[in-house]
Amino acid sequence: QVQLVESGGGLVQPGGSLRLSCVVSTSIFSSYFMGWYRQAPGKQRELVASIGSSGVRTNYADSVKGRFIISRDNAKNTMYLQMNSLEPEDTAVYYCNRPGAEFASWGQGTQVTVSS
């Protein structure tokens, strides 16, 4: 069973930056299309960024475009989300998974709180 482990969240002031990491326990990570999701209190989980298996193709939700950068290191089975110019509206629990073919077992997520 594939395990997803997110880390890197924390409390940051508006305008600040954070870098999230997602480690995926599988030998075929390099074949997976992957993405970052977030869920704010009282809201549905949403996909904010996705990345192709080779890392060349990326896509972003309009709400984060120009501020967030998704990347991956297939040699380390790890995906990243560099979050810049953070806003209070970015406050949420962030998860990683495989868009369109999500693994049944989600990770615990990592909390990002943007507040002054």
N, C-alpha and C. Protein backbone atom coordinates (compact mmCIF):
# COMPACT_ATOMS: atom_id res chain seq x y z
N GLN A 1 0.85 -1.19 0.00
CA GLN A 1 0.00 0.00 0.00
C GLN A 1 0.89 1.24 0.00
N VAL A 2 0.59 2.15 -0.92
CA VAL A 2 1.38 3.37 -1.02
C VAL A 2 1.11 4.27 0.17
N GLN A 3 2.18 4.80 0.74
CA GLN A 3 2.05 5.76 1.84
C GLN A 3 2.49 7.14 1.38
N LEU A 4 1.75 8.14 1.82
CA LEU A 4 2.04 9.54 1.48
C LEU A 4 2.36 10.27 2.78
N VAL A 5 3.50 10.94 2.83
CA VAL A 5 3.89 11.66 4.04
C VAL A 5 4.23 13.10 3.68
N GLU A 6 3.38 14.00 4.16
CA GLU A 6 3.57 15.43 3.91
C GLU A 6 4.27 16.09 5.10
N SER A 7 5.05 17.11 4.81
CA SER A 7 5.73 17.86 5.87
C SER A 7 6.06 19.26 5.37
N GLY A 8 6.49 20.11 6.31
CA GLY A 8 6.95 21.43 5.95
C GLY A 8 6.01 22.57 6.26
N GLY A 9 4.83 22.26 6.77
CA GLY A 9 3.89 23.31 7.09
C GLY A 9 4.30 24.08 8.33
N GLY A 10 3.52 25.10 8.65
CA GLY A 10 3.81 25.90 9.83
C GLY A 10 3.01 27.18 9.84
N LEU A 11 3.39 28.05 10.77
CA LEU A 11 2.76 29.36 10.90
C LEU A 11 3.67 30.39 10.23
N VAL A 12 3.10 31.18 9.36
CA VAL A 12 3.88 32.18 8.63
C VAL A 12 3.06 33.45 8.49
N GLN A 13 3.75 34.57 8.44
CA GLN A 13 3.06 35.84 8.28
C GLN A 13 2.67 36.06 6.81
N PRO A 14 1.65 36.87 6.58
CA PRO A 14 1.29 37.19 5.19
C PRO A 14 2.51 37.73 4.43
N GLY A 15 2.65 37.25 3.20
CA GLY A 15 3.80 37.62 2.40
C GLY A 15 4.98 36.69 2.54
N GLY A 16 4.91 35.79 3.50
CA GLY A 16 6.00 34.86 3.74
C GLY A 16 5.99 33.67 2.80
N SER A 17 6.94 32.76 3.03
CA SER A 17 7.11 31.59 2.18
C SER A 17 7.24 30.31 3.01
N LEU A 18 6.85 29.22 2.41
CA LEU A 18 7.04 27.88 2.98
C LEU A 18 7.31 26.91 1.84
N ARG A 19 8.00 25.83 2.17
CA ARG A 19 8.23 24.77 1.19
C ARG A 19 7.72 23.46 1.77
N LEU A 20 6.75 22.88 1.11
CA LEU A 20 6.18 21.61 1.54
C LEU A 20 6.87 20.47 0.79
N SER A 21 6.92 19.32 1.47
CA SER A 21 7.47 18.12 0.86
C SER A 21 6.47 16.98 0.99
N CYS A 22 6.50 16.08 0.03
CA CYS A 22 5.66 14.89 0.04
C CYS A 22 6.52 13.71 -0.38
N VAL A 23 6.68 12.76 0.52
CA VAL A 23 7.43 11.55 0.21
C VAL A 23 6.44 10.42 -0.07
N VAL A 24 6.64 9.73 -1.16
CA VAL A 24 5.73 8.67 -1.59
C VAL A 24 6.46 7.33 -1.56
N SER A 25 5.90 6.38 -0.83
CA SER A 25 6.57 5.09 -0.66
C SER A 25 6.17 4.13 -1.77
N THR A 26 6.84 4.25 -2.89
CA THR A 26 6.61 3.35 -4.01
C THR A 26 7.84 3.35 -4.90
N SER A 27 8.05 2.23 -5.57
CA SER A 27 9.22 2.14 -6.45
C SER A 27 8.95 2.70 -7.84
N ILE A 28 7.70 3.08 -8.09
CA ILE A 28 7.36 3.59 -9.42
C ILE A 28 6.83 5.02 -9.35
N PHE A 29 7.35 5.78 -8.38
CA PHE A 29 6.93 7.17 -8.22
C PHE A 29 7.13 7.94 -9.52
N SER A 30 8.20 7.66 -10.23
CA SER A 30 8.52 8.41 -11.44
C SER A 30 7.49 8.24 -12.54
N SER A 31 6.59 7.29 -12.40
CA SER A 31 5.56 7.10 -13.41
C SER A 31 4.25 7.79 -13.07
N TYR A 32 4.19 8.39 -11.88
CA TYR A 32 2.93 8.96 -11.40
C TYR A 32 2.78 10.44 -11.73
N PHE A 33 1.62 10.79 -12.23
CA PHE A 33 1.15 12.17 -12.26
C PHE A 33 0.73 12.50 -10.83
N MET A 34 1.21 13.61 -10.26
CA MET A 34 0.98 13.91 -8.85
C MET A 34 0.43 15.32 -8.67
N GLY A 35 -0.11 15.55 -7.47
CA GLY A 35 -0.64 16.88 -7.22
C GLY A 35 -0.69 17.22 -5.74
N TRP A 36 -0.82 18.51 -5.48
CA TRP A 36 -1.02 19.03 -4.13
C TRP A 36 -2.47 19.50 -4.00
N TYR A 37 -3.07 19.14 -2.89
CA TYR A 37 -4.42 19.54 -2.57
C TYR A 37 -4.40 20.34 -1.26
N ARG A 38 -5.48 21.05 -1.00
CA ARG A 38 -5.63 21.68 0.30
C ARG A 38 -7.09 21.67 0.71
N GLN A 39 -7.28 21.69 2.03
CA GLN A 39 -8.63 21.74 2.58
C GLN A 39 -8.65 22.74 3.72
N ALA A 40 -9.40 23.79 3.51
CA ALA A 40 -9.57 24.81 4.54
C ALA A 40 -10.76 24.44 5.42
N PRO A 41 -10.83 24.95 6.63
CA PRO A 41 -11.94 24.63 7.53
C PRO A 41 -13.28 24.94 6.90
N GLY A 42 -14.18 23.96 6.91
CA GLY A 42 -15.51 24.15 6.38
C GLY A 42 -15.61 24.13 4.88
N LYS A 43 -14.52 23.81 4.20
CA LYS A 43 -14.52 23.80 2.74
C LYS A 43 -14.11 22.42 2.21
N GLN A 44 -14.44 22.18 0.94
CA GLN A 44 -14.05 20.93 0.32
C GLN A 44 -12.58 20.95 -0.05
N ARG A 45 -12.01 19.77 -0.12
CA ARG A 45 -10.64 19.64 -0.57
C ARG A 45 -10.54 20.06 -2.04
N GLU A 46 -9.50 20.84 -2.36
CA GLU A 46 -9.32 21.30 -3.73
C GLU A 46 -7.89 21.01 -4.19
N LEU A 47 -7.77 20.76 -5.48
CA LEU A 47 -6.48 20.56 -6.10
C LEU A 47 -5.88 21.92 -6.44
N VAL A 48 -4.68 22.19 -5.97
CA VAL A 48 -4.08 23.50 -6.22
C VAL A 48 -2.95 23.46 -7.23
N ALA A 49 -2.29 22.31 -7.38
CA ALA A 49 -1.19 22.22 -8.33
C ALA A 49 -0.98 20.76 -8.72
N SER A 50 -0.55 20.54 -9.95
CA SER A 50 -0.26 19.18 -10.40
C SER A 50 1.00 19.18 -11.26
N ILE A 51 1.59 18.00 -11.37
CA ILE A 51 2.85 17.89 -12.10
C ILE A 51 2.93 16.55 -12.81
N GLY A 52 3.39 16.57 -14.04
CA GLY A 52 3.54 15.35 -14.80
C GLY A 52 4.65 14.46 -14.26
N SER A 53 4.71 13.24 -14.76
CA SER A 53 5.63 12.25 -14.22
C SER A 53 7.10 12.68 -14.33
N SER A 54 7.43 13.37 -15.40
CA SER A 54 8.82 13.80 -15.59
C SER A 54 9.12 15.15 -14.96
N GLY A 55 8.08 15.83 -14.53
CA GLY A 55 8.26 17.14 -13.91
C GLY A 55 8.23 18.31 -14.87
N VAL A 56 8.04 18.04 -16.14
CA VAL A 56 8.07 19.11 -17.13
C VAL A 56 6.73 19.87 -17.17
N ARG A 57 5.65 19.11 -17.18
CA ARG A 57 4.33 19.75 -17.26
C ARG A 57 3.79 20.04 -15.87
N THR A 58 3.35 21.26 -15.67
CA THR A 58 2.74 21.66 -14.40
C THR A 58 1.46 22.43 -14.67
N ASN A 59 0.59 22.43 -13.66
CA ASN A 59 -0.67 23.17 -13.78
C ASN A 59 -1.05 23.68 -12.40
N TYR A 60 -1.68 24.87 -12.38
CA TYR A 60 -2.00 25.51 -11.11
C TYR A 60 -3.43 26.02 -11.10
N ALA A 61 -4.03 26.01 -9.93
CA ALA A 61 -5.31 26.67 -9.75
C ALA A 61 -5.08 28.18 -9.87
N ASP A 62 -6.08 28.88 -10.34
CA ASP A 62 -5.95 30.33 -10.52
C ASP A 62 -5.58 31.03 -9.21
N SER A 63 -6.05 30.49 -8.11
CA SER A 63 -5.83 31.15 -6.81
C SER A 63 -4.37 31.13 -6.38
N VAL A 64 -3.55 30.25 -6.95
CA VAL A 64 -2.15 30.15 -6.53
C VAL A 64 -1.18 30.42 -7.67
N LYS A 65 -1.70 30.59 -8.86
CA LYS A 65 -0.83 30.78 -10.03
C LYS A 65 0.04 32.01 -9.84
N GLY A 66 1.33 31.86 -10.12
CA GLY A 66 2.28 32.95 -9.98
C GLY A 66 2.88 33.06 -8.58
N ARG A 67 2.32 32.31 -7.63
CA ARG A 67 2.84 32.35 -6.25
C ARG A 67 3.42 31.01 -5.82
N PHE A 68 2.83 29.92 -6.28
CA PHE A 68 3.26 28.57 -5.87
C PHE A 68 4.01 27.92 -7.03
N ILE A 69 4.99 27.08 -6.68
CA ILE A 69 5.74 26.32 -7.67
C ILE A 69 5.80 24.87 -7.24
N ILE A 70 5.33 23.99 -8.10
CA ILE A 70 5.37 22.55 -7.82
C ILE A 70 6.57 21.95 -8.54
N SER A 71 7.22 21.00 -7.87
CA SER A 71 8.37 20.34 -8.47
C SER A 71 8.48 18.94 -7.89
N ARG A 72 9.39 18.15 -8.44
CA ARG A 72 9.57 16.80 -7.93
C ARG A 72 11.00 16.34 -8.17
N ASP A 73 11.42 15.39 -7.33
CA ASP A 73 12.71 14.74 -7.47
C ASP A 73 12.43 13.24 -7.50
N ASN A 74 12.38 12.67 -8.67
CA ASN A 74 12.01 11.26 -8.79
C ASN A 74 13.04 10.34 -8.15
N ALA A 75 14.28 10.77 -8.07
CA ALA A 75 15.31 9.95 -7.43
C ALA A 75 15.07 9.82 -5.93
N LYS A 76 14.35 10.79 -5.37
CA LYS A 76 14.06 10.79 -3.93
C LYS A 76 12.61 10.46 -3.63
N ASN A 77 11.84 10.10 -4.64
CA ASN A 77 10.40 9.81 -4.45
C ASN A 77 9.70 10.96 -3.73
N THR A 78 10.07 12.18 -4.07
CA THR A 78 9.59 13.34 -3.33
C THR A 78 9.05 14.42 -4.27
N MET A 79 7.97 15.02 -3.84
CA MET A 79 7.38 16.15 -4.54
C MET A 79 7.39 17.35 -3.61
N TYR A 80 7.49 18.53 -4.19
CA TYR A 80 7.59 19.75 -3.39
C TYR A 80 6.55 20.78 -3.81
N LEU A 81 6.25 21.68 -2.89
CA LEU A 81 5.42 22.83 -3.22
C LEU A 81 6.05 24.05 -2.57
N GLN A 82 6.66 24.90 -3.37
CA GLN A 82 7.21 26.16 -2.89
C GLN A 82 6.09 27.19 -2.91
N MET A 83 5.78 27.72 -1.76
CA MET A 83 4.67 28.66 -1.63
C MET A 83 5.23 30.02 -1.24
N ASN A 84 5.04 30.99 -2.11
CA ASN A 84 5.52 32.35 -1.89
C ASN A 84 4.34 33.32 -1.79
N SER A 85 4.62 34.49 -1.27
CA SER A 85 3.59 35.54 -1.15
C SER A 85 2.32 34.98 -0.53
N LEU A 86 2.48 34.28 0.56
CA LEU A 86 1.34 33.61 1.19
C LEU A 86 0.32 34.61 1.70
N GLU A 87 -0.93 34.21 1.59
CA GLU A 87 -2.06 35.03 2.01
C GLU A 87 -2.86 34.28 3.06
N PRO A 88 -3.61 35.00 3.89
CA PRO A 88 -4.45 34.31 4.89
C PRO A 88 -5.37 33.26 4.26
N GLU A 89 -5.80 33.51 3.02
CA GLU A 89 -6.69 32.57 2.33
C GLU A 89 -5.99 31.24 1.98
N ASP A 90 -4.68 31.19 2.10
CA ASP A 90 -3.95 29.96 1.85
C ASP A 90 -3.94 29.03 3.07
N THR A 91 -4.47 29.51 4.18
CA THR A 91 -4.54 28.69 5.39
C THR A 91 -5.38 27.44 5.14
N ALA A 92 -4.76 26.29 5.38
CA ALA A 92 -5.43 25.01 5.11
C ALA A 92 -4.50 23.87 5.50
N VAL A 93 -5.05 22.67 5.48
CA VAL A 93 -4.22 21.47 5.56
C VAL A 93 -3.89 21.06 4.13
N TYR A 94 -2.63 20.85 3.86
CA TYR A 94 -2.17 20.52 2.52
C TYR A 94 -1.84 19.03 2.43
N TYR A 95 -2.31 18.41 1.35
CA TYR A 95 -2.13 16.98 1.11
C TYR A 95 -1.54 16.76 -0.27
N CYS A 96 -0.91 15.61 -0.43
CA CYS A 96 -0.48 15.21 -1.77
C CYS A 96 -1.21 13.92 -2.15
N ASN A 97 -1.39 13.73 -3.42
CA ASN A 97 -2.00 12.51 -3.94
C ASN A 97 -1.89 12.51 -5.45
N ARG A 98 -2.55 11.59 -6.07
CA ARG A 98 -2.46 11.38 -7.52
C ARG A 98 -3.78 11.79 -8.15
N PRO A 99 -3.88 12.95 -8.76
CA PRO A 99 -5.14 13.45 -9.30
C PRO A 99 -5.75 12.50 -10.32
N GLY A 100 -7.05 12.23 -10.17
CA GLY A 100 -7.76 11.38 -11.11
C GLY A 100 -7.67 9.91 -10.79
N ALA A 101 -6.73 9.53 -9.95
CA ALA A 101 -6.56 8.13 -9.56
C ALA A 101 -5.99 8.09 -8.16
N GLU A 102 -6.69 8.80 -7.27
CA GLU A 102 -6.15 9.00 -5.92
C GLU A 102 -5.93 7.69 -5.19
N PHE A 103 -4.81 7.63 -4.47
CA PHE A 103 -4.57 6.51 -3.58
C PHE A 103 -5.63 6.55 -2.48
N ALA A 104 -6.10 5.37 -2.10
CA ALA A 104 -7.20 5.31 -1.14
C ALA A 104 -6.81 5.89 0.22
N SER A 105 -5.56 5.68 0.60
CA SER A 105 -5.12 6.14 1.91
C SER A 105 -4.38 7.46 1.77
N TRP A 106 -5.02 8.53 2.22
CA TRP A 106 -4.39 9.85 2.20
C TRP A 106 -3.41 9.98 3.36
N GLY A 107 -2.44 10.84 3.22
CA GLY A 107 -1.53 11.13 4.31
C GLY A 107 -2.22 11.97 5.38
N GLN A 108 -1.46 12.30 6.40
CA GLN A 108 -2.03 13.09 7.49
C GLN A 108 -2.12 14.57 7.14
N GLY A 109 -1.44 14.96 6.08
CA GLY A 109 -1.44 16.36 5.67
C GLY A 109 -0.48 17.18 6.52
N THR A 110 -0.28 18.41 6.10
CA THR A 110 0.56 19.34 6.86
C THR A 110 -0.16 20.67 6.94
N GLN A 111 -0.27 21.21 8.14
CA GLN A 111 -1.04 22.43 8.38
C GLN A 111 -0.23 23.66 7.99
N VAL A 112 -0.84 24.51 7.20
CA VAL A 112 -0.27 25.81 6.85
C VAL A 112 -1.20 26.88 7.38
N THR A 113 -0.66 27.75 8.21
CA THR A 113 -1.44 28.84 8.77
C THR A 113 -0.76 30.16 8.44
N VAL A 114 -1.50 31.03 7.77
CA VAL A 114 -0.96 32.34 7.38
C VAL A 114 -1.70 33.39 8.20
N SER A 115 -0.96 34.00 9.11
CA SER A 115 -1.58 34.95 10.02
C SER A 115 -0.54 35.89 10.58
N SER A 116 -0.97 37.11 10.84
CA SER A 116 -0.07 38.07 11.47
C SER A 116 -0.26 38.06 12.98
